[in-house]
């Protein structure tokens, strides 16, 4: 298995990658980095582990939403672009839900 180096929030990671999966893995790294950066930039969460949990939940929630959507309906020209837009998960609502679930555990003082 091939190994590639990737950076998330300025921290380097060496990741195992199946042959031919480099582009897909790097795209996944970019998505995780964007999610974690958005949470960090919102300024409400400081702990890296908490950012990672929130990013994972946000991405899982978005995936679950996409799986519930009906298949896109082709436009008359055959394109499915713009046939539906998956709603973005509300990061603040997810933070509140996680805070409620965790209680005082994991809160920064």
PDB file of N, CA and C in Angstrom:
ATOM      1  N   UNK A   1       0.849  -1.163   0.000  1.00  0.00           N
ATOM      2  CA  UNK A   1       0.000   0.000   0.000  1.00  0.00           C
ATOM      3  C   UNK A   1       0.903   1.237   0.000  1.00  0.00           C
ATOM      4  N   UNK A   2       0.559   2.185  -0.813  1.00  0.00           N
ATOM      5  CA  UNK A   2       1.328   3.411  -0.949  1.00  0.00           C
ATOM      6  C   UNK A   2       1.026   4.335   0.234  1.00  0.00           C
ATOM      7  N   UNK A   3       1.988   5.168   0.593  1.00  0.00           N
ATOM      8  CA  UNK A   3       1.774   6.159   1.639  1.00  0.00           C
ATOM      9  C   UNK A   3       1.932   7.550   1.034  1.00  0.00           C
ATOM     10  N   UNK A   4       1.039   8.450   1.436  1.00  0.00           N
ATOM     11  CA  UNK A   4       1.154   9.832   0.993  1.00  0.00           C
ATOM     12  C   UNK A   4       1.153  10.734   2.217  1.00  0.00           C
ATOM     13  N   UNK A   5       1.746  11.900   2.073  1.00  0.00           N
ATOM     14  CA  UNK A   5       1.756  12.875   3.158  1.00  0.00           C
ATOM     15  C   UNK A   5       0.689  13.917   2.857  1.00  0.00           C
ATOM     16  N   UNK A   6      -0.087  14.246   3.876  1.00  0.00           N
ATOM     17  CA  UNK A   6      -1.161  15.225   3.736  1.00  0.00           C
ATOM     18  C   UNK A   6      -1.132  16.156   4.937  1.00  0.00           C
ATOM     19  N   UNK A   7      -1.689  17.345   4.766  1.00  0.00           N
ATOM     20  CA  UNK A   7      -1.722  18.338   5.837  1.00  0.00           C
ATOM     21  C   UNK A   7      -3.160  18.737   6.118  1.00  0.00           C
ATOM     22  N   UNK A   8      -3.527  18.686   7.403  1.00  0.00           N
ATOM     23  CA  UNK A   8      -4.844  19.128   7.861  1.00  0.00           C
ATOM     24  C   UNK A   8      -4.614  20.097   8.999  1.00  0.00           C
ATOM     25  N   UNK A   9      -5.146  21.304   8.864  1.00  0.00           N
ATOM     26  CA  UNK A   9      -4.960  22.378   9.852  1.00  0.00           C
ATOM     27  C   UNK A   9      -3.485  22.582  10.193  1.00  0.00           C
ATOM     28  N   UNK A  10      -2.634  22.521   9.185  1.00  0.00           N
ATOM     29  CA  UNK A  10      -1.216  22.757   9.381  1.00  0.00           C
ATOM     30  C   UNK A  10      -0.432  21.607   9.974  1.00  0.00           C
ATOM     31  N   UNK A  11      -1.081  20.498  10.251  1.00  0.00           N
ATOM     32  CA  UNK A  11      -0.404  19.336  10.817  1.00  0.00           C
ATOM     33  C   UNK A  11      -0.281  18.260   9.746  1.00  0.00           C
ATOM     34  N   UNK A  12       0.938  17.719   9.610  1.00  0.00           N
ATOM     35  CA  UNK A  12       1.193  16.701   8.592  1.00  0.00           C
ATOM     36  C   UNK A  12       0.819  15.314   9.086  1.00  0.00           C
ATOM     37  N   UNK A  13       0.304  14.507   8.168  1.00  0.00           N
ATOM     38  CA  UNK A  13      -0.060  13.127   8.444  1.00  0.00           C
ATOM     39  C   UNK A  13       0.463  12.262   7.307  1.00  0.00           C
ATOM     40  N   UNK A  14       0.950  11.078   7.623  1.00  0.00           N
ATOM     41  CA  UNK A  14       1.307  10.088   6.617  1.00  0.00           C
ATOM     42  C   UNK A  14       0.144   9.096   6.577  1.00  0.00           C
ATOM     43  N   UNK A  15      -0.461   8.968   5.398  1.00  0.00           N
ATOM     44  CA  UNK A  15      -1.666   8.165   5.247  1.00  0.00           C
ATOM     45  C   UNK A  15      -1.427   7.017   4.275  1.00  0.00           C
ATOM     46  N   UNK A  16      -1.946   5.859   4.617  1.00  0.00           N
ATOM     47  CA  UNK A  16      -1.900   4.720   3.701  1.00  0.00           C
ATOM     48  C   UNK A  16      -2.939   4.940   2.610  1.00  0.00           C
ATOM     49  N   UNK A  17      -2.579   4.557   1.412  1.00  0.00           N
ATOM     50  CA  UNK A  17      -3.457   4.801   0.274  1.00  0.00           C
ATOM     51  C   UNK A  17      -3.426   3.594  -0.657  1.00  0.00           C
ATOM     52  N   UNK A  18      -4.593   3.102  -1.064  1.00  0.00           N
ATOM     53  CA  UNK A  18      -4.602   1.986  -2.008  1.00  0.00           C
ATOM     54  C   UNK A  18      -4.079   2.448  -3.373  1.00  0.00           C
ATOM     55  N   UNK A  19      -3.518   1.536  -4.141  1.00  0.00           N
ATOM     56  CA  UNK A  19      -3.011   1.912  -5.467  1.00  0.00           C
ATOM     57  C   UNK A  19      -4.098   2.573  -6.306  1.00  0.00           C
ATOM     58  N   UNK A  20      -3.755   3.703  -6.899  1.00  0.00           N
ATOM     59  CA  UNK A  20      -4.705   4.426  -7.738  1.00  0.00           C
ATOM     60  C   UNK A  20      -5.677   5.301  -6.972  1.00  0.00           C
ATOM     61  N   UNK A  21      -5.607   5.320  -5.653  1.00  0.00           N
ATOM     62  CA  UNK A  21      -6.554   6.097  -4.855  1.00  0.00           C
ATOM     63  C   UNK A  21      -6.025   7.436  -4.373  1.00  0.00           C
ATOM     64  N   UNK A  22      -4.884   7.855  -4.885  1.00  0.00           N
ATOM     65  CA  UNK A  22      -4.243   9.077  -4.399  1.00  0.00           C
ATOM     66  C   UNK A  22      -5.132  10.304  -4.562  1.00  0.00           C
ATOM     67  N   UNK A  23      -5.705  10.484  -5.739  1.00  0.00           N
ATOM     68  CA  UNK A  23      -6.525  11.671  -5.997  1.00  0.00           C
ATOM     69  C   UNK A  23      -7.747  11.701  -5.081  1.00  0.00           C
ATOM     70  N   UNK A  24      -8.388  10.563  -4.898  1.00  0.00           N
ATOM     71  CA  UNK A  24      -9.575  10.490  -4.044  1.00  0.00           C
ATOM     72  C   UNK A  24      -9.213  10.767  -2.585  1.00  0.00           C
ATOM     73  N   UNK A  25      -8.105  10.207  -2.123  1.00  0.00           N
ATOM     74  CA  UNK A  25      -7.678  10.449  -0.747  1.00  0.00           C
ATOM     75  C   UNK A  25      -7.323  11.912  -0.535  1.00  0.00           C
ATOM     76  N   UNK A  26      -6.621  12.518  -1.484  1.00  0.00           N
ATOM     77  CA  UNK A  26      -6.263  13.929  -1.354  1.00  0.00           C
ATOM     78  C   UNK A  26      -7.504  14.823  -1.373  1.00  0.00           C
ATOM     79  N   UNK A  27      -8.522  14.450  -2.141  1.00  0.00           N
ATOM     80  CA  UNK A  27      -9.776  15.200  -2.131  1.00  0.00           C
ATOM     81  C   UNK A  27     -10.451  15.074  -0.766  1.00  0.00           C
ATOM     82  N   UNK A  28     -10.427  13.873  -0.185  1.00  0.00           N
ATOM     83  CA  UNK A  28     -10.991  13.681   1.157  1.00  0.00           C
ATOM     84  C   UNK A  28     -10.242  14.530   2.179  1.00  0.00           C
ATOM     85  N   UNK A  29      -8.916  14.577   2.064  1.00  0.00           N
ATOM     86  CA  UNK A  29      -8.106  15.412   2.971  1.00  0.00           C
ATOM     87  C   UNK A  29      -8.509  16.876   2.827  1.00  0.00           C
ATOM     88  N   UNK A  30      -8.695  17.340   1.595  1.00  0.00           N
ATOM     89  CA  UNK A  30      -9.099  18.734   1.371  1.00  0.00           C
ATOM     90  C   UNK A  30     -10.463  19.033   1.987  1.00  0.00           C
ATOM     91  N   UNK A  31     -11.387  18.091   1.877  1.00  0.00           N
ATOM     92  CA  UNK A  31     -12.720  18.283   2.453  1.00  0.00           C
ATOM     93  C   UNK A  31     -12.626  18.370   3.971  1.00  0.00           C
ATOM     94  N   UNK A  32     -11.886  17.464   4.592  1.00  0.00           N
ATOM     95  CA  UNK A  32     -11.740  17.477   6.056  1.00  0.00           C
ATOM     96  C   UNK A  32     -11.044  18.758   6.501  1.00  0.00           C
ATOM     97  N   UNK A  33     -10.006  19.171   5.790  1.00  0.00           N
ATOM     98  CA  UNK A  33      -9.292  20.402   6.128  1.00  0.00           C
ATOM     99  C   UNK A  33     -10.223  21.608   6.033  1.00  0.00           C
ATOM    100  N   UNK A  34     -11.041  21.675   4.990  1.00  0.00           N
ATOM    101  CA  UNK A  34     -12.001  22.784   4.846  1.00  0.00           C
ATOM    102  C   UNK A  34     -13.000  22.800   5.990  1.00  0.00           C
ATOM    103  N   UNK A  35     -13.545  21.624   6.342  1.00  0.00           N
ATOM    104  CA  UNK A  35     -14.532  21.546   7.429  1.00  0.00           C
ATOM    105  C   UNK A  35     -13.915  21.985   8.752  1.00  0.00           C
ATOM    106  N   UNK A  36     -12.726  21.455   9.053  1.00  0.00           N
ATOM    107  CA  UNK A  36     -12.080  21.795  10.322  1.00  0.00           C
ATOM    108  C   UNK A  36     -11.676  23.266  10.342  1.00  0.00           C
ATOM    109  N   UNK A  37     -11.237  23.800   9.213  1.00  0.00           N
ATOM    110  CA  UNK A  37     -10.872  25.217   9.143  1.00  0.00           C
ATOM    111  C   UNK A  37     -12.092  26.102   9.364  1.00  0.00           C
ATOM    112  N   UNK A  38     -13.224  25.721   8.792  1.00  0.00           N
ATOM    113  CA  UNK A  38     -14.455  26.506   8.974  1.00  0.00           C
ATOM    114  C   UNK A  38     -14.866  26.524  10.443  1.00  0.00           C
ATOM    115  N   UNK A  39     -14.747  25.389  11.113  1.00  0.00           N
ATOM    116  CA  UNK A  39     -15.096  25.322  12.540  1.00  0.00           C
ATOM    117  C   UNK A  39     -14.126  26.165  13.351  1.00  0.00           C
ATOM    118  N   UNK A  40     -12.831  26.041  13.054  1.00  0.00           N
ATOM    119  CA  UNK A  40     -11.811  26.848  13.745  1.00  0.00           C
ATOM    120  C   UNK A  40     -12.049  28.332  13.513  1.00  0.00           C
ATOM    121  N   UNK A  41     -12.331  28.709  12.265  1.00  0.00           N
ATOM    122  CA  UNK A  41     -12.511  30.116  11.914  1.00  0.00           C
ATOM    123  C   UNK A  41     -13.767  30.717  12.529  1.00  0.00           C
ATOM    124  N   UNK A  42     -14.747  29.872  12.855  1.00  0.00           N
ATOM    125  CA  UNK A  42     -15.952  30.369  13.538  1.00  0.00           C
ATOM    126  C   UNK A  42     -15.601  30.833  14.949  1.00  0.00           C
ATOM    127  N   UNK A  43     -14.459  30.362  15.466  1.00  0.00           N
ATOM    128  CA  UNK A  43     -13.944  30.851  16.738  1.00  0.00           C
ATOM    129  C   UNK A  43     -14.598  30.299  17.981  1.00  0.00           C
ATOM    130  N   UNK A  44     -15.487  29.348  17.841  1.00  0.00           N
ATOM    131  CA  UNK A  44     -16.203  28.846  19.014  1.00  0.00           C
ATOM    132  C   UNK A  44     -15.561  27.606  19.610  1.00  0.00           C
ATOM    133  N   UNK A  45     -14.673  26.961  18.856  1.00  0.00           N
ATOM    134  CA  UNK A  45     -14.051  25.721  19.305  1.00  0.00           C
ATOM    135  C   UNK A  45     -12.542  25.882  19.169  1.00  0.00           C
ATOM    136  N   UNK A  46     -11.819  25.538  20.226  1.00  0.00           N
ATOM    137  CA  UNK A  46     -10.363  25.672  20.212  1.00  0.00           C
ATOM    138  C   UNK A  46      -9.639  24.331  20.198  1.00  0.00           C
ATOM    139  N   UNK A  47     -10.196  23.314  20.804  1.00  0.00           N
ATOM    140  CA  UNK A  47      -9.535  22.014  20.912  1.00  0.00           C
ATOM    141  C   UNK A  47      -9.582  21.284  19.568  1.00  0.00           C
ATOM    142  N   UNK A  48      -8.411  20.842  19.094  1.00  0.00           N
ATOM    143  CA  UNK A  48      -8.304  20.159  17.802  1.00  0.00           C
ATOM    144  C   UNK A  48      -9.175  18.896  17.757  1.00  0.00           C
ATOM    145  N   UNK A  49      -9.206  18.130  18.860  1.00  0.00           N
ATOM    146  CA  UNK A  49     -10.010  16.910  18.880  1.00  0.00           C
ATOM    147  C   UNK A  49     -11.486  17.230  18.722  1.00  0.00           C
ATOM    148  N   UNK A  50     -11.921  18.274  19.367  1.00  0.00           N
ATOM    149  CA  UNK A  50     -13.329  18.677  19.283  1.00  0.00           C
ATOM    150  C   UNK A  50     -13.668  19.135  17.860  1.00  0.00           C
ATOM    151  N   UNK A  51     -12.727  19.856  17.236  1.00  0.00           N
ATOM    152  CA  UNK A  51     -12.920  20.271  15.843  1.00  0.00           C
ATOM    153  C   UNK A  51     -13.055  19.049  14.946  1.00  0.00           C
ATOM    154  N   UNK A  52     -12.227  18.033  15.196  1.00  0.00           N
ATOM    155  CA  UNK A  52     -12.261  16.824  14.382  1.00  0.00           C
ATOM    156  C   UNK A  52     -13.601  16.104  14.549  1.00  0.00           C
ATOM    157  N   UNK A  53     -14.098  16.026  15.781  1.00  0.00           N
ATOM    158  CA  UNK A  53     -15.390  15.371  16.018  1.00  0.00           C
ATOM    159  C   UNK A  53     -16.503  16.147  15.328  1.00  0.00           C
ATOM    160  N   UNK A  54     -16.490  17.459  15.459  1.00  0.00           N
ATOM    161  CA  UNK A  54     -17.523  18.274  14.819  1.00  0.00           C
ATOM    162  C   UNK A  54     -17.461  18.162  13.301  1.00  0.00           C
ATOM    163  N   UNK A  55     -16.259  18.175  12.746  1.00  0.00           N
ATOM    164  CA  UNK A  55     -16.111  18.033  11.302  1.00  0.00           C
ATOM    165  C   UNK A  55     -16.624  16.671  10.838  1.00  0.00           C
ATOM    166  N   UNK A  56     -16.277  15.613  11.589  1.00  0.00           N
ATOM    167  CA  UNK A  56     -16.743  14.270  11.230  1.00  0.00           C
ATOM    168  C   UNK A  56     -18.266  14.187  11.289  1.00  0.00           C
ATOM    169  N   UNK A  57     -18.849  14.754  12.332  1.00  0.00           N
ATOM    170  CA  UNK A  57     -20.313  14.732  12.446  1.00  0.00           C
ATOM    171  C   UNK A  57     -20.958  15.557  11.340  1.00  0.00           C
ATOM    172  N   UNK A  58     -20.364  16.702  11.033  1.00  0.00           N
ATOM    173  CA  UNK A  58     -20.897  17.551   9.978  1.00  0.00           C
ATOM    174  C   UNK A  58     -20.874  16.813   8.638  1.00  0.00           C
ATOM    175  N   UNK A  59     -19.753  16.180   8.320  1.00  0.00           N
ATOM    176  CA  UNK A  59     -19.644  15.451   7.060  1.00  0.00           C
ATOM    177  C   UNK A  59     -20.579  14.243   7.023  1.00  0.00           C
ATOM    178  N   UNK A  60     -20.691  13.535   8.126  1.00  0.00           N
ATOM    179  CA  UNK A  60     -21.604  12.385   8.188  1.00  0.00           C
ATOM    180  C   UNK A  60     -23.054  12.837   8.032  1.00  0.00           C
ATOM    181  N   UNK A  61     -23.392  13.966   8.647  1.00  0.00           N
ATOM    182  CA  UNK A  61     -24.750  14.509   8.537  1.00  0.00           C
ATOM    183  C   UNK A  61     -25.047  14.894   7.089  1.00  0.00           C
ATOM    184  N   UNK A  62     -24.084  15.559   6.437  1.00  0.00           N
ATOM    185  CA  UNK A  62     -24.266  15.937   5.032  1.00  0.00           C
ATOM    186  C   UNK A  62     -24.446  14.699   4.159  1.00  0.00           C
ATOM    187  N   UNK A  63     -23.672  13.660   4.425  1.00  0.00           N
ATOM    188  CA  UNK A  63     -23.789  12.414   3.661  1.00  0.00           C
ATOM    189  C   UNK A  63     -25.162  11.774   3.882  1.00  0.00           C
ATOM    190  N   UNK A  64     -25.609  11.765   5.136  1.00  0.00           N
ATOM    191  CA  UNK A  64     -26.928  11.196   5.437  1.00  0.00           C
ATOM    192  C   UNK A  64     -28.021  11.978   4.724  1.00  0.00           C
ATOM    193  N   UNK A  65     -27.897  13.301   4.697  1.00  0.00           N
ATOM    194  CA  UNK A  65     -28.883  14.124   3.986  1.00  0.00           C
ATOM    195  C   UNK A  65     -28.899  13.775   2.498  1.00  0.00           C
ATOM    196  N   UNK A  66     -27.709  13.639   1.916  1.00  0.00           N
ATOM    197  CA  UNK A  66     -27.630  13.313   0.490  1.00  0.00           C
ATOM    198  C   UNK A  66     -28.261  11.964   0.186  1.00  0.00           C
ATOM    199  N   UNK A  67     -28.100  11.013   1.101  1.00  0.00           N
ATOM    200  CA  UNK A  67     -28.658   9.680   0.876  1.00  0.00           C
ATOM    201  C   UNK A  67     -30.181   9.696   0.960  1.00  0.00           C
ATOM    202  N   UNK A  68     -30.756  10.690   1.618  1.00  0.00           N
ATOM    203  CA  UNK A  68     -32.211  10.777   1.739  1.00  0.00           C
ATOM    204  C   UNK A  68     -32.843  11.522   0.570  1.00  0.00           C
ATOM    205  N   UNK A  69     -32.031  12.252  -0.200  1.00  0.00           N
ATOM    206  CA  UNK A  69     -32.569  13.026  -1.311  1.00  0.00           C
ATOM    207  C   UNK A  69     -32.932  12.108  -2.463  1.00  0.00           C
ATOM    208  N   UNK A  70     -33.986  12.468  -3.197  1.00  0.00           N
ATOM    209  CA  UNK A  70     -34.317  11.683  -4.384  1.00  0.00           C
ATOM    210  C   UNK A  70     -33.223  11.863  -5.439  1.00  0.00           C
ATOM    211  N   UNK A  71     -33.130  10.918  -6.326  1.00  0.00           N
ATOM    212  CA  UNK A  71     -32.147  11.013  -7.403  1.00  0.00           C
ATOM    213  C   UNK A  71     -32.420  12.271  -8.216  1.00  0.00           C
ATOM    214  N   UNK A  72     -31.377  12.923  -8.718  1.00  0.00           N
ATOM    215  CA  UNK A  72     -31.584  14.138  -9.504  1.00  0.00           C
ATOM    216  C   UNK A  72     -32.384  13.856 -10.763  1.00  0.00           C
ATOM    217  N   UNK A  73     -33.234  14.805 -11.096  1.00  0.00           N
ATOM    218  CA  UNK A  73     -34.062  14.686 -12.294  1.00  0.00           C
ATOM    219  C   UNK A  73     -33.327  15.364 -13.435  1.00  0.00           C
ATOM    220  N   UNK A  74     -33.093  14.650 -14.519  1.00  0.00           N
ATOM    221  CA  UNK A  74     -32.371  15.277 -15.628  1.00  0.00           C
ATOM    222  C   UNK A  74     -33.149  16.444 -16.224  1.00  0.00           C
ATOM    223  N   UNK A  75     -32.421  17.500 -16.562  1.00  0.00           N
ATOM    224  CA  UNK A  75     -33.016  18.643 -17.248  1.00  0.00           C
ATOM    225  C   UNK A  75     -33.282  18.234 -18.696  1.00  0.00           C
ATOM    226  N   UNK A  76     -34.057  19.038 -19.430  1.00  0.00           N
ATOM    227  CA  UNK A  76     -34.343  18.682 -20.828  1.00  0.00           C
ATOM    228  C   UNK A  76     -33.082  18.470 -21.666  1.00  0.00           C
ATOM    229  N   UNK A  77     -31.983  19.162 -21.314  1.00  0.00           N
ATOM    230  CA  UNK A  77     -30.755  19.000 -22.085  1.00  0.00           C
ATOM    231  C   UNK A  77     -29.941  17.795 -21.633  1.00  0.00           C
ATOM    232  N   UNK A  78     -30.474  17.011 -20.663  1.00  0.00           N
ATOM    233  CA  UNK A  78     -29.800  15.811 -20.184  1.00  0.00           C
ATOM    234  C   UNK A  78     -28.907  16.048 -18.982  1.00  0.00           C
ATOM    235  N   UNK A  79     -28.703  17.296 -18.609  1.00  0.00           N
ATOM    236  CA  UNK A  79     -27.836  17.627 -17.479  1.00  0.00           C
ATOM    237  C   UNK A  79     -28.586  17.453 -16.161  1.00  0.00           C
ATOM    238  N   UNK A  80     -27.869  17.030 -15.116  1.00  0.00           N
ATOM    239  CA  UNK A  80     -28.462  16.973 -13.783  1.00  0.00           C
ATOM    240  C   UNK A  80     -27.927  18.101 -12.918  1.00  0.00           C
ATOM    241  N   UNK A  81     -27.048  18.926 -13.454  1.00  0.00           N
ATOM    242  CA  UNK A  81     -26.460  20.044 -12.702  1.00  0.00           C
ATOM    243  C   UNK A  81     -27.564  20.998 -12.281  1.00  0.00           C
ATOM    244  N   UNK A  82     -27.609  21.295 -11.000  1.00  0.00           N
ATOM    245  CA  UNK A  82     -28.603  22.228 -10.496  1.00  0.00           C
ATOM    246  C   UNK A  82     -29.968  21.606 -10.284  1.00  0.00           C
ATOM    247  N   UNK A  83     -30.095  20.305 -10.523  1.00  0.00           N
ATOM    248  CA  UNK A  83     -31.390  19.666 -10.337  1.00  0.00           C
ATOM    249  C   UNK A  83     -31.771  19.618  -8.864  1.00  0.00           C
ATOM    250  N   UNK A  84     -30.791  19.549  -7.979  1.00  0.00           N
ATOM    251  CA  UNK A  84     -31.041  19.672  -6.550  1.00  0.00           C
ATOM    252  C   UNK A  84     -29.788  20.191  -5.890  1.00  0.00           C
ATOM    253  N   UNK A  85     -29.954  20.877  -4.783  1.00  0.00           N
ATOM    254  CA  UNK A  85     -28.828  21.350  -3.989  1.00  0.00           C
ATOM    255  C   UNK A  85     -28.993  20.785  -2.597  1.00  0.00           C
ATOM    256  N   UNK A  86     -27.979  20.046  -2.122  1.00  0.00           N
ATOM    257  CA  UNK A  86     -28.032  19.503  -0.765  1.00  0.00           C
ATOM    258  C   UNK A  86     -27.856  20.639   0.221  1.00  0.00           C
ATOM    259  N   UNK A  87     -28.756  20.771   1.196  1.00  0.00           N
ATOM    260  CA  UNK A  87     -28.601  21.848   2.169  1.00  0.00           C
ATOM    261  C   UNK A  87     -27.361  21.621   3.026  1.00  0.00           C
ATOM    262  N   UNK A  88     -26.639  22.701   3.297  1.00  0.00           N
ATOM    263  CA  UNK A  88     -25.447  22.599   4.151  1.00  0.00           C
ATOM    264  C   UNK A  88     -25.884  22.423   5.600  1.00  0.00           C
ATOM    265  N   UNK A  89     -25.151  21.583   6.325  1.00  0.00           N
ATOM    266  CA  UNK A  89     -25.453  21.379   7.745  1.00  0.00           C
ATOM    267  C   UNK A  89     -25.110  22.649   8.499  1.00  0.00           C
ATOM    268  N   UNK A  90     -25.907  23.002   9.446  1.00  0.00           N
ATOM    269  CA  UNK A  90     -25.689  24.203  10.257  1.00  0.00           C
ATOM    270  C   UNK A  90     -24.665  23.878  11.342  1.00  0.00           C
ATOM    271  N   UNK A  91     -23.460  24.397  11.177  1.00  0.00           N
ATOM    272  CA  UNK A  91     -22.368  24.085  12.102  1.00  0.00           C
ATOM    273  C   UNK A  91     -22.725  24.531  13.518  1.00  0.00           C
ATOM    274  N   UNK A  92     -23.305  25.716  13.666  1.00  0.00           N
ATOM    275  CA  UNK A  92     -23.665  26.189  15.010  1.00  0.00           C
ATOM    276  C   UNK A  92     -24.678  25.263  15.678  1.00  0.00           C
ATOM    277  N   UNK A  93     -25.648  24.774  14.919  1.00  0.00           N
ATOM    278  CA  UNK A  93     -26.639  23.856  15.490  1.00  0.00           C
ATOM    279  C   UNK A  93     -25.974  22.547  15.904  1.00  0.00           C
ATOM    280  N   UNK A  94     -25.034  22.060  15.089  1.00  0.00           N
ATOM    281  CA  UNK A  94     -24.316  20.841  15.450  1.00  0.00           C
ATOM    282  C   UNK A  94     -23.479  21.041  16.705  1.00  0.00           C
ATOM    283  N   UNK A  95     -22.833  22.199  16.826  1.00  0.00           N
ATOM    284  CA  UNK A  95     -22.046  22.490  18.030  1.00  0.00           C
ATOM    285  C   UNK A  95     -22.942  22.492  19.257  1.00  0.00           C
ATOM    286  N   UNK A  96     -24.105  23.110  19.153  1.00  0.00           N
ATOM    287  CA  UNK A  96     -25.035  23.132  20.290  1.00  0.00           C
ATOM    288  C   UNK A  96     -25.502  21.721  20.650  1.00  0.00           C
ATOM    289  N   UNK A  97     -25.787  20.901  19.641  1.00  0.00           N
ATOM    290  CA  UNK A  97     -26.231  19.530  19.903  1.00  0.00           C
ATOM    291  C   UNK A  97     -25.136  18.713  20.561  1.00  0.00           C
ATOM    292  N   UNK A  98     -23.919  18.880  20.100  1.00  0.00           N
ATOM    293  CA  UNK A  98     -22.804  18.140  20.700  1.00  0.00           C
ATOM    294  C   UNK A  98     -22.539  18.629  22.108  1.00  0.00           C
ATOM    295  N   UNK A  99     -22.579  19.958  22.320  1.00  0.00           N
ATOM    296  CA  UNK A  99     -22.396  20.491  23.669  1.00  0.00           C
ATOM    297  C   UNK A  99     -23.448  19.934  24.625  1.00  0.00           C
ATOM    298  N   UNK A 100     -24.684  19.851  24.155  1.00  0.00           N
ATOM    299  CA  UNK A 100     -25.747  19.317  25.009  1.00  0.00           C
ATOM    300  C   UNK A 100     -25.493  17.844  25.317  1.00  0.00           C
ATOM    301  N   UNK A 101     -25.025  17.102  24.325  1.00  0.00           N
ATOM    302  CA  UNK A 101     -24.772  15.674  24.541  1.00  0.00           C
ATOM    303  C   UNK A 101     -23.578  15.433  25.459  1.00  0.00           C
ATOM    304  N   UNK A 102     -22.542  16.270  25.313  1.00  0.00           N
ATOM    305  CA  UNK A 102     -21.339  16.085  26.117  1.00  0.00           C
ATOM    306  C   UNK A 102     -21.439  16.682  27.515  1.00  0.00           C
ATOM    307  N   UNK A 103     -22.325  17.624  27.685  1.00  0.00           N
ATOM    308  CA  UNK A 103     -22.413  18.305  28.991  1.00  0.00           C
ATOM    309  C   UNK A 103     -21.133  19.055  29.242  1.00  0.00           C
ATOM    310  N   UNK A 104     -20.559  18.932  30.430  1.00  0.00           N
ATOM    311  CA  UNK A 104     -19.318  19.622  30.771  1.00  0.00           C
ATOM    312  C   UNK A 104     -18.082  18.922  30.229  1.00  0.00           C
ATOM    313  N   UNK A 105     -18.226  17.691  29.772  1.00  0.00           N
ATOM    314  CA  UNK A 105     -17.088  16.934  29.245  1.00  0.00           C
ATOM    315  C   UNK A 105     -16.629  17.552  27.934  1.00  0.00           C
ATOM    316  N   UNK A 106     -15.371  17.948  27.868  1.00  0.00           N
ATOM    317  CA  UNK A 106     -14.803  18.459  26.643  1.00  0.00           C
ATOM    318  C   UNK A 106     -14.917  19.949  26.451  1.00  0.00           C
ATOM    319  N   UNK A 107     -15.593  20.655  27.343  1.00  0.00           N
ATOM    320  CA  UNK A 107     -15.695  22.105  27.218  1.00  0.00           C
ATOM    321  C   UNK A 107     -14.408  22.763  27.679  1.00  0.00           C
ATOM    322  N   UNK A 108     -14.015  23.777  26.945  1.00  0.00           N
ATOM    323  CA  UNK A 108     -12.832  24.545  27.342  1.00  0.00           C
ATOM    324  C   UNK A 108     -13.223  25.591  28.360  1.00  0.00           C
ATOM    325  N   UNK A 109     -12.439  25.725  29.387  1.00  0.00           N
ATOM    326  CA  UNK A 109     -12.702  26.727  30.406  1.00  0.00           C
ATOM    327  C   UNK A 109     -11.679  27.825  30.333  1.00  0.00           C
TER     328      UNK A 109
END
